Amino acid sequence: MLIGEVARRSGVSARMLRHYESLGLVRPSGRTGSGYREYAMEDIQRIFHVESLRSLGLSLREIGRALHDPGFAPAALVDDLIRQTRERIAAETELLTRLRRIHAADPDGWEDVLQVVALLQALGSKSPDARQRAALSSGEEVPVPVEALVEAALSETDTNVAGALRWALARSGDGGLALLAEGLGSSEAAVRERAVQALVEMPGGEATARLRDALANPDVVVRGYAALALGTRGAADAVPTLLDMIVEGRNDTDAADALSVLSSDSSLADRIATGLVDRLAHGATEAPARGRLTQALAGIPGPEASRALMELSHDEDRAVALTAAYLLRLRDESGR
């Protein structure tokens, strides 16, 4: 079979077949009387072997080794090809992500595109100062895509840079809320904590709704941040978690302050006082926790809290009784 027909049937150009011959990959078995290359069926089969190996990503040099070395073991080469392919996919995925973020910024011209690229590169810089400047400059001329801000915020370990990123996210609108909510489900505790810290600083009703959802998160740290933030926003949903925090001694002072803020709503004051009393009466509540619950009653106005303190002033736990009596005296002096 002459080279033209081989090229037509195999789909490999005559020029490539000559290149294969020059590399010793596929040599025609014979020549016609006129000197034309003549390929046998074995040669055609070898061409398909070469093409099959090329389809796996092997270089022509690697194909030559595979075809000519009787002791060649393909396993190591296939492992290397897998590694190279993964690296290539990762690089392509990174490029696709960058292009999507540039598109999301809706640039008006190439100058805007270059500014977005520069900001994205700065966010990924090894220098904390560069990352902080990028976060603080977000939105001044061309906004940093919110997806990039969220990704940076969830991975940032520098305290100052993390604060700047949360500030930038708070200014960016509600676009990052869904991504931050996804971060609350991360397998990494540090990522979950960064996600809820960012949510806490996001304004608006949608952010508050996400924080309410976070009260059911299995991570106690996430629940704690959400409850404290909701307390300052006047959300009664946070009360049970805040009570748990006082009992468990997790940010109990902040939790008591949040309950005090919530109790400024007279309709909640008695409910909060009742909740504190119920926890005090629980048989499993140990002495240190009872002391913290008693102290928390100090910030709760209303008759229910006063009655509770009166009863606690006679508590069998001397520390609780003394604390309650002292708080009662302060209430009397302040006229609460």
Protein backbone atom coordinates (compact mmCIF):
# COMPACT_ATOMS: atom_id res chain seq x y z
CA MET A 1 0.00 0.00 0.00
CA LEU A 2 1.50 3.33 -1.04
CA ILE A 3 1.87 6.28 1.31
CA GLY A 4 -1.04 8.25 -0.16
CA GLU A 5 -3.50 5.43 0.38
CA VAL A 6 -2.13 4.78 3.87
CA ALA A 7 -2.61 8.45 4.75
CA ARG A 8 -6.16 8.36 3.41
CA ARG A 9 -7.13 5.20 5.33
CA SER A 10 -5.35 5.96 8.57
CA GLY A 11 -6.09 9.67 8.80
CA VAL A 12 -2.36 10.37 9.36
CA SER A 13 -0.94 12.80 6.84
CA ALA A 14 1.81 11.74 4.46
CA ARG A 15 4.04 14.39 5.99
CA MET A 16 3.54 12.91 9.49
CA LEU A 17 4.18 9.40 8.15
CA ARG A 18 7.51 10.59 6.77
CA HIS A 19 8.24 12.18 10.17
CA TYR A 20 7.48 8.88 11.89
CA GLU A 21 9.88 7.18 9.49
CA SER A 22 12.64 9.71 10.22
CA LEU A 23 12.25 8.97 13.95
CA GLY A 24 12.26 5.22 13.36
CA LEU A 25 8.72 4.77 14.64
CA VAL A 26 7.17 3.34 11.48
CA ARG A 27 9.28 2.26 8.53
CA PRO A 28 7.64 0.97 5.36
CA SER A 29 8.51 -2.67 4.80
CA GLY A 30 9.46 -2.20 1.17
CA ARG A 31 9.78 -0.05 -1.90
CA THR A 32 8.20 -0.32 -5.32
CA GLY A 33 10.31 -0.64 -8.42
CA SER A 34 9.99 3.12 -8.83
CA GLY A 35 11.27 3.71 -5.28
CA TYR A 36 7.96 4.60 -3.66
CA ARG A 37 7.34 3.59 -0.06
CA GLU A 38 5.21 0.50 0.28
CA TYR A 39 3.50 -0.32 3.57
CA ALA A 40 2.53 -3.83 4.64
CA MET A 41 -0.37 -4.65 6.96
CA GLU A 42 2.07 -4.92 9.89
CA ASP A 43 3.20 -1.35 9.15
CA ILE A 44 -0.40 -0.13 9.14
CA GLN A 45 -0.98 -1.81 12.49
CA ARG A 46 2.12 -0.11 13.89
CA ILE A 47 0.81 3.28 12.71
CA PHE A 48 -2.37 2.69 14.70
CA HIS A 49 -0.27 1.69 17.73
CA VAL A 50 1.60 4.99 17.47
CA GLU A 51 -1.63 6.97 17.17
CA SER A 52 -3.18 5.15 20.12
CA LEU A 53 -0.20 5.98 22.32
CA ARG A 54 -0.28 9.62 21.14
CA SER A 55 -3.93 9.79 22.21
CA LEU A 56 -2.80 9.00 25.76
CA GLY A 57 -0.53 12.03 25.77
CA LEU A 58 2.79 10.27 25.16
CA SER A 59 5.49 12.19 23.35
CA LEU A 60 6.97 10.68 20.18
CA ARG A 61 10.17 9.96 22.12
CA GLU A 62 8.18 8.07 24.78
CA ILE A 63 6.32 6.19 22.06
CA GLY A 64 9.65 5.16 20.56
CA ARG A 65 10.77 3.77 23.91
CA ALA A 66 7.49 1.94 24.36
CA LEU A 67 7.68 0.30 20.92
CA HIS A 68 11.39 -0.51 20.78
CA ASP A 69 12.35 -1.45 24.36
CA PRO A 70 11.34 -5.09 25.06
CA GLY A 71 11.73 -4.53 28.79
CA PHE A 72 9.68 -1.34 28.85
CA ALA A 73 7.16 -1.33 31.76
CA PRO A 74 4.17 0.90 31.04
CA ALA A 75 2.96 1.27 34.65
CA ALA A 76 5.48 3.97 35.64
CA LEU A 77 4.85 5.90 32.43
CA VAL A 78 1.07 5.73 32.90
CA ASP A 79 1.49 6.99 36.49
CA ASP A 80 3.53 9.89 35.17
CA LEU A 81 0.90 10.63 32.53
CA ILE A 82 -1.78 10.67 35.23
CA ARG A 83 0.27 13.17 37.25
CA GLN A 84 0.88 15.38 34.20
CA THR A 85 -2.80 15.26 33.26
CA ARG A 86 -3.89 16.25 36.75
CA GLU A 87 -1.44 19.15 36.73
CA ARG A 88 -2.71 20.27 33.33
CA ILE A 89 -6.35 20.03 34.47
CA ALA A 90 -5.54 22.03 37.61
CA ALA A 91 -3.83 24.72 35.55
CA GLU A 92 -6.73 24.87 33.08
CA THR A 93 -9.25 24.99 35.92
CA GLU A 94 -7.35 27.86 37.52
CA LEU A 95 -7.34 29.71 34.21
CA LEU A 96 -11.07 29.10 33.74
CA THR A 97 -11.77 30.39 37.25
CA ARG A 98 -9.73 33.52 36.59
CA LEU A 99 -11.54 34.16 33.30
CA ARG A 100 -14.94 33.72 34.96
CA ARG A 101 -13.99 36.19 37.66
CA ILE A 102 -12.84 38.73 35.11
CA HIS A 103 -16.13 38.24 33.25
CA ALA A 104 -18.06 38.70 36.53
CA ALA A 105 -16.37 42.07 37.04
CA ASP A 106 -17.99 43.22 33.76
CA PRO A 107 -14.97 45.26 32.59
CA ASP A 108 -15.59 48.09 30.16
CA GLY A 109 -12.22 47.83 28.44
CA TRP A 110 -8.80 46.24 28.52
CA GLU A 111 -7.65 48.70 31.16
CA ASP A 112 -10.34 47.36 33.49
CA VAL A 113 -9.38 43.79 32.63
CA LEU A 114 -5.76 44.49 33.56
CA GLN A 115 -6.83 46.10 36.85
CA VAL A 116 -8.94 43.05 37.76
CA VAL A 117 -6.04 40.73 36.89
CA ALA A 118 -3.70 42.81 39.04
CA LEU A 119 -6.12 42.70 41.99
CA LEU A 120 -6.59 38.94 41.66
CA GLN A 121 -2.84 38.44 41.57
CA ALA A 122 -2.43 40.66 44.63
CA LEU A 123 -5.05 38.65 46.53
CA GLY A 124 -2.94 35.56 45.87
CA SER A 125 0.34 37.24 46.79
CA LYS A 126 2.63 35.79 49.45
CA SER A 127 2.87 39.28 50.97
CA PRO A 128 0.20 40.04 53.60
CA ASP A 129 0.59 43.76 52.86
CA ALA A 130 -0.17 43.19 49.18
CA ARG A 131 -3.22 41.07 50.01
CA GLN A 132 -4.49 43.68 52.46
CA ARG A 133 -4.07 46.53 49.95
CA ALA A 134 -5.95 44.49 47.35
CA ALA A 135 -8.83 43.90 49.76
CA LEU A 136 -9.01 47.55 50.82
CA SER A 137 -8.92 48.79 47.22
CA SER A 138 -11.76 46.50 46.18
CA GLY A 139 -14.55 48.43 44.55
CA GLU A 140 -12.72 51.75 44.26
CA GLU A 141 -12.64 51.58 40.46
CA VAL A 142 -13.16 48.02 39.29
CA PRO A 143 -14.66 45.65 41.87
CA VAL A 144 -12.91 42.44 42.82
CA PRO A 145 -15.25 39.54 41.94
CA VAL A 146 -17.04 38.46 45.10
CA GLU A 147 -16.14 34.80 44.50
CA ALA A 148 -12.46 35.74 44.72
CA LEU A 149 -13.06 37.72 47.92
CA VAL A 150 -14.86 34.78 49.54
CA GLU A 151 -12.14 32.34 48.51
CA ALA A 152 -9.49 34.66 49.91
CA ALA A 153 -11.43 35.25 53.15
CA LEU A 154 -11.91 31.52 53.76
CA SER A 155 -8.20 30.80 53.34
CA GLU A 156 -6.65 33.89 54.98
CA THR A 157 -4.59 33.28 58.14
CA ASP A 158 -3.30 36.81 58.74
CA THR A 159 -5.59 38.64 61.19
CA ASN A 160 -5.26 42.09 59.59
CA VAL A 161 -5.77 40.80 56.05
CA ALA A 162 -8.75 38.71 57.17
CA GLY A 163 -10.36 41.82 58.65
CA ALA A 164 -9.82 43.76 55.43
CA LEU A 165 -11.35 40.93 53.39
CA ARG A 166 -14.42 40.78 55.63
CA TRP A 167 -14.78 44.55 55.27
CA ALA A 168 -14.60 44.22 51.49
CA LEU A 169 -17.19 41.45 51.52
CA ALA A 170 -19.54 43.52 53.69
CA ARG A 171 -19.39 46.26 51.02
CA SER A 172 -19.91 43.85 48.13
CA GLY A 173 -23.62 43.17 48.66
CA ASP A 174 -25.34 39.81 49.09
CA GLY A 175 -23.47 38.04 46.30
CA GLY A 176 -21.08 36.22 48.61
CA LEU A 177 -23.64 35.00 51.15
CA ALA A 178 -24.35 31.67 49.47
CA LEU A 179 -20.62 30.94 49.13
CA LEU A 180 -20.00 31.82 52.78
CA ALA A 181 -22.89 29.56 53.78
CA GLU A 182 -21.21 26.75 51.85
CA GLY A 183 -18.06 27.47 53.83
CA LEU A 184 -19.97 26.69 57.03
CA GLY A 185 -20.17 23.09 55.84
CA SER A 186 -16.44 22.74 55.18
CA SER A 187 -14.61 19.72 56.61
CA GLU A 188 -11.99 22.13 58.02
CA ALA A 189 -12.84 23.82 61.32
CA ALA A 190 -10.71 26.88 60.48
CA VAL A 191 -12.64 27.44 57.24
CA ARG A 192 -15.98 27.14 59.04
CA GLU A 193 -14.85 29.70 61.61
CA ARG A 194 -13.69 32.16 58.93
CA ALA A 195 -16.97 31.71 57.07
CA VAL A 196 -19.13 32.54 60.09
CA GLN A 197 -16.88 35.47 61.05
CA ALA A 198 -17.43 36.91 57.58
CA LEU A 199 -21.18 36.29 57.77
CA VAL A 200 -21.34 38.11 61.10
CA GLU A 201 -20.07 41.28 59.44
CA MET A 202 -22.44 41.07 56.47
CA PRO A 203 -25.37 43.49 56.80
CA GLY A 204 -28.98 42.95 55.84
CA GLY A 205 -31.83 40.53 56.28
CA GLU A 206 -30.38 37.84 54.05
CA ALA A 207 -27.23 37.67 56.18
CA THR A 208 -29.39 37.45 59.31
CA ALA A 209 -31.31 34.55 57.77
CA ARG A 210 -28.01 32.74 57.04
CA LEU A 211 -26.93 33.28 60.64
CA ARG A 212 -30.23 31.83 61.86
CA ASP A 213 -29.52 28.73 59.78
CA ALA A 214 -26.05 28.58 61.35
CA LEU A 215 -27.63 28.09 64.80
CA ALA A 216 -28.25 24.48 63.73
CA ASN A 217 -24.65 23.94 62.60
CA PRO A 218 -22.97 20.95 64.30
CA ASP A 219 -19.89 23.08 65.02
CA VAL A 220 -20.28 24.76 68.44
CA VAL A 221 -17.90 27.55 67.39
CA VAL A 222 -20.09 28.40 64.39
CA ARG A 223 -23.22 28.33 66.55
CA GLY A 224 -21.57 30.61 69.09
CA TYR A 225 -20.54 33.27 66.59
CA ALA A 226 -23.99 33.16 64.98
CA ALA A 227 -25.81 33.47 68.33
CA LEU A 228 -23.72 36.42 69.49
CA ALA A 229 -24.30 38.25 66.22
CA LEU A 230 -28.03 37.49 66.23
CA GLY A 231 -28.26 38.71 69.82
CA THR A 232 -26.97 42.13 68.79
CA ARG A 233 -29.49 42.10 65.93
CA GLY A 234 -32.39 41.46 68.30
CA ALA A 235 -33.12 37.94 67.05
CA ALA A 236 -34.82 35.90 69.76
CA ASP A 237 -33.83 32.66 67.96
CA ALA A 238 -30.39 33.05 69.53
CA VAL A 239 -31.57 32.75 73.15
CA PRO A 240 -31.26 28.92 73.56
CA THR A 241 -27.74 28.90 72.11
CA LEU A 242 -26.69 31.85 74.27
CA LEU A 243 -27.97 30.01 77.35
CA ASP A 244 -25.98 26.93 76.30
CA MET A 245 -22.86 29.07 75.97
CA ILE A 246 -23.24 30.37 79.54
CA VAL A 247 -23.75 26.86 80.91
CA GLU A 248 -20.77 25.50 78.97
CA GLY A 249 -18.53 28.48 79.72
CA ARG A 250 -17.92 29.34 76.05
CA ASN A 251 -17.69 33.12 75.64
CA ASP A 252 -20.13 33.21 78.53
CA THR A 253 -19.55 36.92 79.27
CA ASP A 254 -20.31 37.87 75.67
CA ALA A 255 -23.34 35.57 75.71
CA ALA A 256 -24.64 37.23 78.87
CA ASP A 257 -24.14 40.65 77.27
CA ALA A 258 -26.10 39.50 74.20
CA LEU A 259 -28.94 38.29 76.43
CA SER A 260 -28.92 41.66 78.17
CA VAL A 261 -29.28 43.41 74.81
CA LEU A 262 -32.15 41.12 73.85
CA SER A 263 -33.87 41.70 77.19
CA SER A 264 -34.26 45.37 76.36
CA ASP A 265 -37.33 44.08 74.55
CA SER A 266 -39.75 43.75 77.46
CA SER A 267 -41.51 40.85 75.77
CA LEU A 268 -38.25 38.88 75.85
CA ALA A 269 -36.95 39.85 79.30
CA ASP A 270 -39.16 37.46 81.29
CA ARG A 271 -38.59 34.66 78.75
CA ILE A 272 -34.82 35.04 79.10
CA ALA A 273 -35.06 35.16 82.91
CA THR A 274 -37.19 31.99 82.86
CA GLY A 275 -34.62 30.30 80.63
CA LEU A 276 -31.81 31.17 83.04
CA VAL A 277 -33.83 29.89 86.01
CA ASP A 278 -34.66 26.64 84.20
CA ARG A 279 -30.98 26.02 83.54
CA LEU A 280 -30.20 26.79 87.19
CA ALA A 281 -32.78 24.27 88.32
CA HIS A 282 -31.51 21.55 86.02
CA GLY A 283 -30.01 18.77 88.11
CA ALA A 284 -27.04 18.28 85.79
CA THR A 285 -25.95 21.93 85.97
CA GLU A 286 -22.73 22.06 87.96
CA ALA A 287 -21.69 24.75 90.45
CA PRO A 288 -19.49 26.88 88.12
CA ALA A 289 -22.27 26.98 85.52
CA ARG A 290 -24.85 27.93 88.18
CA GLY A 291 -22.63 30.83 89.18
CA ARG A 292 -22.40 32.06 85.58
CA LEU A 293 -26.17 31.76 85.11
CA THR A 294 -26.77 33.74 88.30
CA GLN A 295 -24.41 36.48 87.14
CA ALA A 296 -26.21 36.60 83.80
CA LEU A 297 -29.44 37.50 85.61
CA ALA A 298 -27.80 40.81 86.55
CA GLY A 299 -28.34 42.16 83.04
CA ILE A 300 -31.97 41.06 82.74
CA PRO A 301 -34.57 43.64 83.82
CA GLY A 302 -38.06 42.88 85.03
CA PRO A 303 -39.89 41.18 87.90
CA GLU A 304 -39.12 37.61 86.79
CA ALA A 305 -35.37 38.17 87.11
CA SER A 306 -35.84 39.90 90.47
CA ARG A 307 -37.92 36.99 91.82
CA ALA A 308 -35.30 34.55 90.62
CA LEU A 309 -32.52 36.46 92.34
CA MET A 310 -34.56 36.61 95.55
CA GLU A 311 -34.93 32.82 95.57
CA LEU A 312 -31.27 32.31 94.66
CA SER A 313 -30.17 34.51 97.57
CA HIS A 314 -31.22 31.56 99.75
CA ASP A 315 -29.62 28.93 97.54
CA GLU A 316 -27.76 26.08 99.25
CA ASP A 317 -24.73 26.92 97.11
CA ARG A 318 -23.14 29.72 99.16
CA ALA A 319 -21.38 31.28 96.15
CA VAL A 320 -24.65 31.44 94.23
CA ALA A 321 -26.50 32.83 97.23
CA LEU A 322 -23.93 35.56 97.86
CA THR A 323 -23.87 36.52 94.17
CA ALA A 324 -27.67 36.71 94.03
CA ALA A 325 -27.85 38.81 97.20
CA TYR A 326 -25.24 41.21 95.88
CA LEU A 327 -27.07 41.56 92.56
CA LEU A 328 -30.35 42.17 94.35
CA ARG A 329 -28.75 44.96 96.34
CA LEU A 330 -27.47 46.55 93.15
CA ARG A 331 -30.95 46.33 91.60
CA ASP A 332 -32.49 47.98 94.63
CA GLU A 333 -29.95 50.78 94.50
CA SER A 334 -30.49 51.35 90.79
CA GLY A 335 -34.27 50.99 91.06
CA ARG A 336 -34.49 48.31 88.37
